[in-house]
Amino acid sequence: MIFSWFKKKSEPTCIVDAIHDGMEDLRKEMGDEVYFGAMAYNVRVNELRSLKIQNFNELLGVSDDLGEKMMEAFSNCDPKPILDIYAFCVSVVAAAINFTNIPADEQPKVRDIYFDLWVDAIGQHAQNFDKEKLKASITRVSGEYEPDIVRTFTASSAVQAGFANPPVTLMKTIDQMAGVSRSETSYETIGPGLQALVDHTVRRVQGIVWQH
């Protein structure tokens, strides 16, 4: 599809007219709902000092990549608790913000925009679901996961503080959320791999933020 601002048209009288014409054409191409949604996101992101809109796209990519790897831990589940798995992955990215140089006053705003973008992305692949309900759910679930994710990333310090085997505890929490049961021995096998995934994900988030 060729956007209409690439089509030949009469020269605008000034740059303001050119911008206005381009935005109106974009609105026609995208439709009102998508257009105004995109504009609202731009306004929210432009108020931040720490990130730009492309950084949020990268953060969504990080949670998608983690989701693909986490599927392996549920290979024996039929059906796989896909939404629960991705809710955990989104929570890891949200928790990773604690370990970046994003200012403390901006961190809640960054998480809120990230959650909204994720919910909108789910909406592109699913119909007839309540966005507000999903947003409230992912916000709550993320808050419940955060302590165990933080302890898994800082496992040595957490163990010294009296928290035994944080990655195993985290995996048990994931299973509980997803309604999955597995043997104690399997947790000992999965734990180190989960810790490595959390560590890798947090460092990817740090890389996205710090390169900005």
C-alpha atoms as a PDB file:
ATOM      1  CA  MET A   1       0.000   0.000   0.000  1.00  0.00           C
ATOM      2  CA  ILE A   2       1.335   3.441  -0.915  1.00  0.00           C
ATOM      3  CA  PHE A   3       0.557   6.097   1.654  1.00  0.00           C
ATOM      4  CA  SER A   4      -1.127   9.092   0.135  1.00  0.00           C
ATOM      5  CA  TRP A   5       1.578  11.602   1.107  1.00  0.00           C
ATOM      6  CA  PHE A   6       3.811   9.933  -1.514  1.00  0.00           C
ATOM      7  CA  LYS A   7       1.286  10.756  -4.219  1.00  0.00           C
ATOM      8  CA  LYS A   8       1.771  13.852  -6.344  1.00  0.00           C
ATOM      9  CA  LYS A   9      -0.182  16.845  -5.090  1.00  0.00           C
ATOM     10  CA  SER A  10      -0.108  20.608  -5.355  1.00  0.00           C
ATOM     11  CA  GLU A  11       2.622  22.397  -3.397  1.00  0.00           C
ATOM     12  CA  PRO A  12       1.413  23.503   0.067  1.00  0.00           C
ATOM     13  CA  THR A  13       1.649  27.182   0.888  1.00  0.00           C
ATOM     14  CA  CYS A  14       3.841  26.561   3.966  1.00  0.00           C
ATOM     15  CA  ILE A  15       5.399  23.793   6.060  1.00  0.00           C
ATOM     16  CA  VAL A  16       2.483  23.869   8.536  1.00  0.00           C
ATOM     17  CA  ASP A  17       0.086  23.079   5.692  1.00  0.00           C
ATOM     18  CA  ALA A  18       2.365  20.244   4.574  1.00  0.00           C
ATOM     19  CA  ILE A  19       2.382  18.704   8.060  1.00  0.00           C
ATOM     20  CA  HIS A  20      -1.385  19.093   8.383  1.00  0.00           C
ATOM     21  CA  ASP A  21      -2.017  17.493   4.993  1.00  0.00           C
ATOM     22  CA  GLY A  22       0.315  14.599   5.806  1.00  0.00           C
ATOM     23  CA  MET A  23      -1.375  13.921   9.161  1.00  0.00           C
ATOM     24  CA  GLU A  24      -4.835  14.008   7.609  1.00  0.00           C
ATOM     25  CA  ASP A  25      -3.753  11.538   4.927  1.00  0.00           C
ATOM     26  CA  LEU A  26      -2.242   9.270   7.584  1.00  0.00           C
ATOM     27  CA  ARG A  27      -5.496   9.383   9.548  1.00  0.00           C
ATOM     28  CA  LYS A  28      -7.440   8.282   6.456  1.00  0.00           C
ATOM     29  CA  GLU A  29      -5.008   5.423   5.811  1.00  0.00           C
ATOM     30  CA  MET A  30      -4.961   4.127   9.414  1.00  0.00           C
ATOM     31  CA  GLY A  31      -8.511   4.826  10.537  1.00  0.00           C
ATOM     32  CA  ASP A  32      -9.511   7.064  13.442  1.00  0.00           C
ATOM     33  CA  GLU A  33      -9.062   4.503  16.252  1.00  0.00           C
ATOM     34  CA  VAL A  34      -5.515   3.484  15.295  1.00  0.00           C
ATOM     35  CA  TYR A  35      -4.497   7.032  14.387  1.00  0.00           C
ATOM     36  CA  PHE A  36      -5.662   8.634  17.639  1.00  0.00           C
ATOM     37  CA  GLY A  37      -4.257   5.707  19.631  1.00  0.00           C
ATOM     38  CA  ALA A  38      -0.835   6.199  18.023  1.00  0.00           C
ATOM     39  CA  MET A  39      -0.959   9.943  18.631  1.00  0.00           C
ATOM     40  CA  ALA A  40      -1.854   9.382  22.300  1.00  0.00           C
ATOM     41  CA  TYR A  41       1.143   7.088  22.727  1.00  0.00           C
ATOM     42  CA  ASN A  42       3.424   9.651  21.107  1.00  0.00           C
ATOM     43  CA  VAL A  43       2.238  12.321  23.534  1.00  0.00           C
ATOM     44  CA  ARG A  44       2.864  10.044  26.550  1.00  0.00           C
ATOM     45  CA  VAL A  45       6.297   8.932  25.353  1.00  0.00           C
ATOM     46  CA  ASN A  46       7.379  12.471  24.429  1.00  0.00           C
ATOM     47  CA  GLU A  47       6.811  13.484  28.052  1.00  0.00           C
ATOM     48  CA  LEU A  48       9.517  11.015  29.141  1.00  0.00           C
ATOM     49  CA  ARG A  49      13.170  11.968  29.501  1.00  0.00           C
ATOM     50  CA  SER A  50      14.408   8.393  29.392  1.00  0.00           C
ATOM     51  CA  LEU A  51      12.929   6.521  26.396  1.00  0.00           C
ATOM     52  CA  LYS A  52      11.576   6.980  22.892  1.00  0.00           C
ATOM     53  CA  ILE A  53       8.814   5.039  21.138  1.00  0.00           C
ATOM     54  CA  GLN A  54      11.298   2.752  19.336  1.00  0.00           C
ATOM     55  CA  ASN A  55      12.687   1.700  22.731  1.00  0.00           C
ATOM     56  CA  PHE A  56       9.248   0.420  23.697  1.00  0.00           C
ATOM     57  CA  ASN A  57       9.108  -1.612  20.486  1.00  0.00           C
ATOM     58  CA  GLU A  58      12.447  -3.131  21.491  1.00  0.00           C
ATOM     59  CA  LEU A  59      11.129  -3.945  24.967  1.00  0.00           C
ATOM     60  CA  LEU A  60       8.145  -5.742  23.427  1.00  0.00           C
ATOM     61  CA  GLY A  61      10.595  -7.709  21.306  1.00  0.00           C
ATOM     62  CA  VAL A  62      12.508  -8.758  24.431  1.00  0.00           C
ATOM     63  CA  SER A  63       9.391 -10.193  26.080  1.00  0.00           C
ATOM     64  CA  ASP A  64       8.483 -12.011  22.839  1.00  0.00           C
ATOM     65  CA  ASP A  65      11.940 -13.595  22.660  1.00  0.00           C
ATOM     66  CA  LEU A  66      11.738 -14.657  26.295  1.00  0.00           C
ATOM     67  CA  GLY A  67       8.287 -16.150  25.652  1.00  0.00           C
ATOM     68  CA  GLU A  68       9.629 -18.395  22.906  1.00  0.00           C
ATOM     69  CA  LYS A  69      12.340 -19.718  25.243  1.00  0.00           C
ATOM     70  CA  MET A  70       9.921 -20.178  28.157  1.00  0.00           C
ATOM     71  CA  MET A  71       7.679 -22.376  25.997  1.00  0.00           C
ATOM     72  CA  GLU A  72      10.299 -25.123  26.325  1.00  0.00           C
ATOM     73  CA  ALA A  73       9.585 -25.380  30.062  1.00  0.00           C
ATOM     74  CA  PHE A  74       5.949 -26.166  29.209  1.00  0.00           C
ATOM     75  CA  SER A  75       6.582 -28.557  26.313  1.00  0.00           C
ATOM     76  CA  ASN A  76       4.630 -31.338  28.070  1.00  0.00           C
ATOM     77  CA  CYS A  77       1.573 -29.172  28.695  1.00  0.00           C
ATOM     78  CA  ASP A  78      -1.407 -29.551  26.387  1.00  0.00           C
ATOM     79  CA  PRO A  79      -2.718 -26.981  25.881  1.00  0.00           C
ATOM     80  CA  LYS A  80       0.148 -24.671  26.775  1.00  0.00           C
ATOM     81  CA  PRO A  81      -0.781 -21.804  29.130  1.00  0.00           C
ATOM     82  CA  ILE A  82       0.364 -19.273  26.529  1.00  0.00           C
ATOM     83  CA  LEU A  83      -1.167 -16.148  28.071  1.00  0.00           C
ATOM     84  CA  ASP A  84       0.223 -17.030  31.505  1.00  0.00           C
ATOM     85  CA  ILE A  85       3.687 -17.607  30.025  1.00  0.00           C
ATOM     86  CA  TYR A  86       3.715 -14.268  28.224  1.00  0.00           C
ATOM     87  CA  ALA A  87       2.313 -12.479  31.277  1.00  0.00           C
ATOM     88  CA  PHE A  88       5.376 -13.726  33.166  1.00  0.00           C
ATOM     89  CA  CYS A  89       7.695 -12.559  30.358  1.00  0.00           C
ATOM     90  CA  VAL A  90       6.142  -9.091  30.382  1.00  0.00           C
ATOM     91  CA  SER A  91       6.612  -9.062  34.155  1.00  0.00           C
ATOM     92  CA  VAL A  92      10.337  -9.822  33.790  1.00  0.00           C
ATOM     93  CA  VAL A  93      10.788  -6.831  31.472  1.00  0.00           C
ATOM     94  CA  ALA A  94       8.778  -4.639  33.856  1.00  0.00           C
ATOM     95  CA  ALA A  95      10.866  -5.788  36.830  1.00  0.00           C
ATOM     96  CA  ALA A  96      14.088  -5.219  34.876  1.00  0.00           C
ATOM     97  CA  ILE A  97      13.299  -1.501  34.817  1.00  0.00           C
ATOM     98  CA  ASN A  98      14.349  -1.492  38.503  1.00  0.00           C
ATOM     99  CA  PHE A  99      17.904  -2.229  37.380  1.00  0.00           C
ATOM    100  CA  THR A 100      18.206   0.581  34.847  1.00  0.00           C
ATOM    101  CA  ASN A 101      19.016   4.272  35.084  1.00  0.00           C
ATOM    102  CA  ILE A 102      15.437   5.302  34.281  1.00  0.00           C
ATOM    103  CA  PRO A 103      14.585   7.983  36.892  1.00  0.00           C
ATOM    104  CA  ALA A 104      12.448   6.689  39.757  1.00  0.00           C
ATOM    105  CA  ASP A 105       9.636   9.137  38.966  1.00  0.00           C
ATOM    106  CA  GLU A 106       9.453   7.857  35.368  1.00  0.00           C
ATOM    107  CA  GLN A 107       9.554   4.125  36.071  1.00  0.00           C
ATOM    108  CA  PRO A 108       5.793   3.762  36.782  1.00  0.00           C
ATOM    109  CA  LYS A 109       5.013   5.732  33.585  1.00  0.00           C
ATOM    110  CA  VAL A 110       7.353   3.546  31.519  1.00  0.00           C
ATOM    111  CA  ARG A 111       5.728   0.382  32.872  1.00  0.00           C
ATOM    112  CA  ASP A 112       2.250   1.767  32.250  1.00  0.00           C
ATOM    113  CA  ILE A 113       2.995   2.598  28.605  1.00  0.00           C
ATOM    114  CA  TYR A 114       4.707  -0.774  28.129  1.00  0.00           C
ATOM    115  CA  PHE A 115       1.684  -2.638  29.558  1.00  0.00           C
ATOM    116  CA  ASP A 116      -0.715  -0.669  27.343  1.00  0.00           C
ATOM    117  CA  LEU A 117       1.335  -1.412  24.229  1.00  0.00           C
ATOM    118  CA  TRP A 118       1.440  -5.114  25.117  1.00  0.00           C
ATOM    119  CA  VAL A 119      -2.320  -5.219  25.676  1.00  0.00           C
ATOM    120  CA  ASP A 120      -2.871  -3.485  22.314  1.00  0.00           C
ATOM    121  CA  ALA A 121      -0.562  -6.017  20.636  1.00  0.00           C
ATOM    122  CA  ILE A 122      -2.618  -8.871  22.114  1.00  0.00           C
ATOM    123  CA  GLY A 123      -5.735  -7.130  20.791  1.00  0.00           C
ATOM    124  CA  GLN A 124      -4.400  -7.354  17.238  1.00  0.00           C
ATOM    125  CA  HIS A 125      -4.418 -11.167  17.480  1.00  0.00           C
ATOM    126  CA  ALA A 126      -7.487 -11.766  19.645  1.00  0.00           C
ATOM    127  CA  GLN A 127     -11.048 -10.573  19.317  1.00  0.00           C
ATOM    128  CA  ASN A 128     -13.767  -9.854  21.848  1.00  0.00           C
ATOM    129  CA  PHE A 129     -11.575  -9.435  24.900  1.00  0.00           C
ATOM    130  CA  ASP A 130     -11.677  -6.728  27.538  1.00  0.00           C
ATOM    131  CA  LYS A 131      -8.552  -4.549  27.256  1.00  0.00           C
ATOM    132  CA  GLU A 132      -9.127  -2.834  30.585  1.00  0.00           C
ATOM    133  CA  LYS A 133      -9.519  -6.183  32.346  1.00  0.00           C
ATOM    134  CA  LEU A 134      -6.319  -7.541  30.740  1.00  0.00           C
ATOM    135  CA  LYS A 135      -4.422  -4.348  31.647  1.00  0.00           C
ATOM    136  CA  ALA A 136      -5.561  -4.623  35.268  1.00  0.00           C
ATOM    137  CA  SER A 137      -4.615  -8.304  35.300  1.00  0.00           C
ATOM    138  CA  ILE A 138      -1.091  -7.831  33.883  1.00  0.00           C
ATOM    139  CA  THR A 139      -0.466  -4.924  36.281  1.00  0.00           C
ATOM    140  CA  ARG A 140      -1.499  -7.082  39.246  1.00  0.00           C
ATOM    141  CA  VAL A 141       0.373 -10.202  38.081  1.00  0.00           C
ATOM    142  CA  SER A 142       3.516  -8.184  37.380  1.00  0.00           C
ATOM    143  CA  GLY A 143       3.454  -6.823  40.920  1.00  0.00           C
ATOM    144  CA  GLU A 144       3.090 -10.357  42.313  1.00  0.00           C
ATOM    145  CA  TYR A 145       5.998 -11.693  40.236  1.00  0.00           C
ATOM    146  CA  GLU A 146       8.354  -8.780  40.857  1.00  0.00           C
ATOM    147  CA  PRO A 147       9.822  -9.829  44.258  1.00  0.00           C
ATOM    148  CA  ASP A 148      10.710 -13.332  42.990  1.00  0.00           C
ATOM    149  CA  ILE A 149      12.120 -11.957  39.721  1.00  0.00           C
ATOM    150  CA  VAL A 150      14.286  -9.466  41.610  1.00  0.00           C
ATOM    151  CA  ARG A 151      15.527 -12.208  43.953  1.00  0.00           C
ATOM    152  CA  THR A 152      16.306 -14.474  40.999  1.00  0.00           C
ATOM    153  CA  PHE A 153      18.361 -11.748  39.301  1.00  0.00           C
ATOM    154  CA  THR A 154      20.182 -11.043  42.570  1.00  0.00           C
ATOM    155  CA  ALA A 155      20.224 -14.715  43.634  1.00  0.00           C
ATOM    156  CA  SER A 156      23.497 -14.663  45.609  1.00  0.00           C
ATOM    157  CA  SER A 157      22.396 -11.703  47.738  1.00  0.00           C
ATOM    158  CA  ALA A 158      18.898 -13.185  48.112  1.00  0.00           C
ATOM    159  CA  VAL A 159      20.271 -16.503  49.374  1.00  0.00           C
ATOM    160  CA  GLN A 160      22.486 -14.657  51.884  1.00  0.00           C
ATOM    161  CA  ALA A 161      19.369 -12.801  53.022  1.00  0.00           C
ATOM    162  CA  GLY A 162      17.634 -16.129  53.727  1.00  0.00           C
ATOM    163  CA  PHE A 163      15.704 -16.807  50.501  1.00  0.00           C
ATOM    164  CA  ALA A 164      16.444 -20.399  49.481  1.00  0.00           C
ATOM    165  CA  ASN A 165      16.891 -21.102  45.755  1.00  0.00           C
ATOM    166  CA  PRO A 166      15.105 -18.037  44.275  1.00  0.00           C
ATOM    167  CA  PRO A 167      14.820 -19.401  40.673  1.00  0.00           C
ATOM    168  CA  VAL A 168      13.061 -22.562  41.907  1.00  0.00           C
ATOM    169  CA  THR A 169      10.696 -20.433  43.984  1.00  0.00           C
ATOM    170  CA  LEU A 170      10.022 -18.288  40.904  1.00  0.00           C
ATOM    171  CA  MET A 171       9.327 -21.329  38.711  1.00  0.00           C
ATOM    172  CA  LYS A 172       6.888 -22.666  41.304  1.00  0.00           C
ATOM    173  CA  THR A 173       5.095 -19.308  41.291  1.00  0.00           C
ATOM    174  CA  ILE A 174       4.855 -19.404  37.479  1.00  0.00           C
ATOM    175  CA  ASP A 175       3.416 -22.918  37.615  1.00  0.00           C
ATOM    176  CA  GLN A 176       0.936 -21.923  40.297  1.00  0.00           C
ATOM    177  CA  MET A 177      -0.255 -18.981  38.180  1.00  0.00           C
ATOM    178  CA  ALA A 178      -0.547 -21.242  35.112  1.00  0.00           C
ATOM    179  CA  GLY A 179      -2.176 -24.159  36.953  1.00  0.00           C
ATOM    180  CA  VAL A 180       0.711 -26.534  36.167  1.00  0.00           C
ATOM    181  CA  SER A 181       2.129 -29.294  38.366  1.00  0.00           C
ATOM    182  CA  ARG A 182       5.572 -30.899  38.109  1.00  0.00           C
ATOM    183  CA  SER A 183       7.922 -32.966  40.268  1.00  0.00           C
ATOM    184  CA  GLU A 184      10.381 -31.477  42.751  1.00  0.00           C
ATOM    185  CA  THR A 185      13.262 -33.002  40.804  1.00  0.00           C
ATOM    186  CA  SER A 186      12.220 -31.189  37.639  1.00  0.00           C
ATOM    187  CA  TYR A 187      12.367 -27.861  39.489  1.00  0.00           C
ATOM    188  CA  GLU A 188      16.010 -28.473  40.349  1.00  0.00           C
ATOM    189  CA  THR A 189      16.682 -29.031  36.646  1.00  0.00           C
ATOM    190  CA  ILE A 190      14.683 -26.026  35.408  1.00  0.00           C
ATOM    191  CA  GLY A 191      15.896 -23.551  38.069  1.00  0.00           C
ATOM    192  CA  PRO A 192      19.366 -22.745  36.680  1.00  0.00           C
ATOM    193  CA  GLY A 193      18.009 -22.306  33.157  1.00  0.00           C
ATOM    194  CA  LEU A 194      15.310 -19.934  34.404  1.00  0.00           C
ATOM    195  CA  GLN A 195      17.897 -17.904  36.319  1.00  0.00           C
ATOM    196  CA  ALA A 196      20.004 -17.601  33.148  1.00  0.00           C
ATOM    197  CA  LEU A 197      16.956 -16.426  31.154  1.00  0.00           C
ATOM    198  CA  VAL A 198      16.022 -13.796  33.750  1.00  0.00           C
ATOM    199  CA  ASP A 199      19.616 -12.586  33.902  1.00  0.00           C
ATOM    200  CA  HIS A 200      19.865 -12.359  30.103  1.00  0.00           C
ATOM    201  CA  THR A 201      16.518 -10.541  29.834  1.00  0.00           C
ATOM    202  CA  VAL A 202      17.395  -7.952  32.491  1.00  0.00           C
ATOM    203  CA  ARG A 203      20.707  -7.246  30.773  1.00  0.00           C
ATOM    204  CA  ARG A 204      18.975  -6.827  27.403  1.00  0.00           C
ATOM    205  CA  VAL A 205      16.599  -4.296  28.959  1.00  0.00           C
ATOM    206  CA  GLN A 206      19.552  -2.482  30.506  1.00  0.00           C
ATOM    207  CA  GLY A 207      21.231  -2.383  27.079  1.00  0.00           C
ATOM    208  CA  ILE A 208      18.139  -0.857  25.442  1.00  0.00           C
ATOM    209  CA  VAL A 209      17.829   1.824  28.115  1.00  0.00           C
ATOM    210  CA  TRP A 210      21.527   2.661  28.462  1.00  0.00           C
ATOM    211  CA  GLN A 211      22.168   2.913  24.734  1.00  0.00           C
ATOM    212  CA  HIS A 212      19.489   5.591  24.614  1.00  0.00           C
END
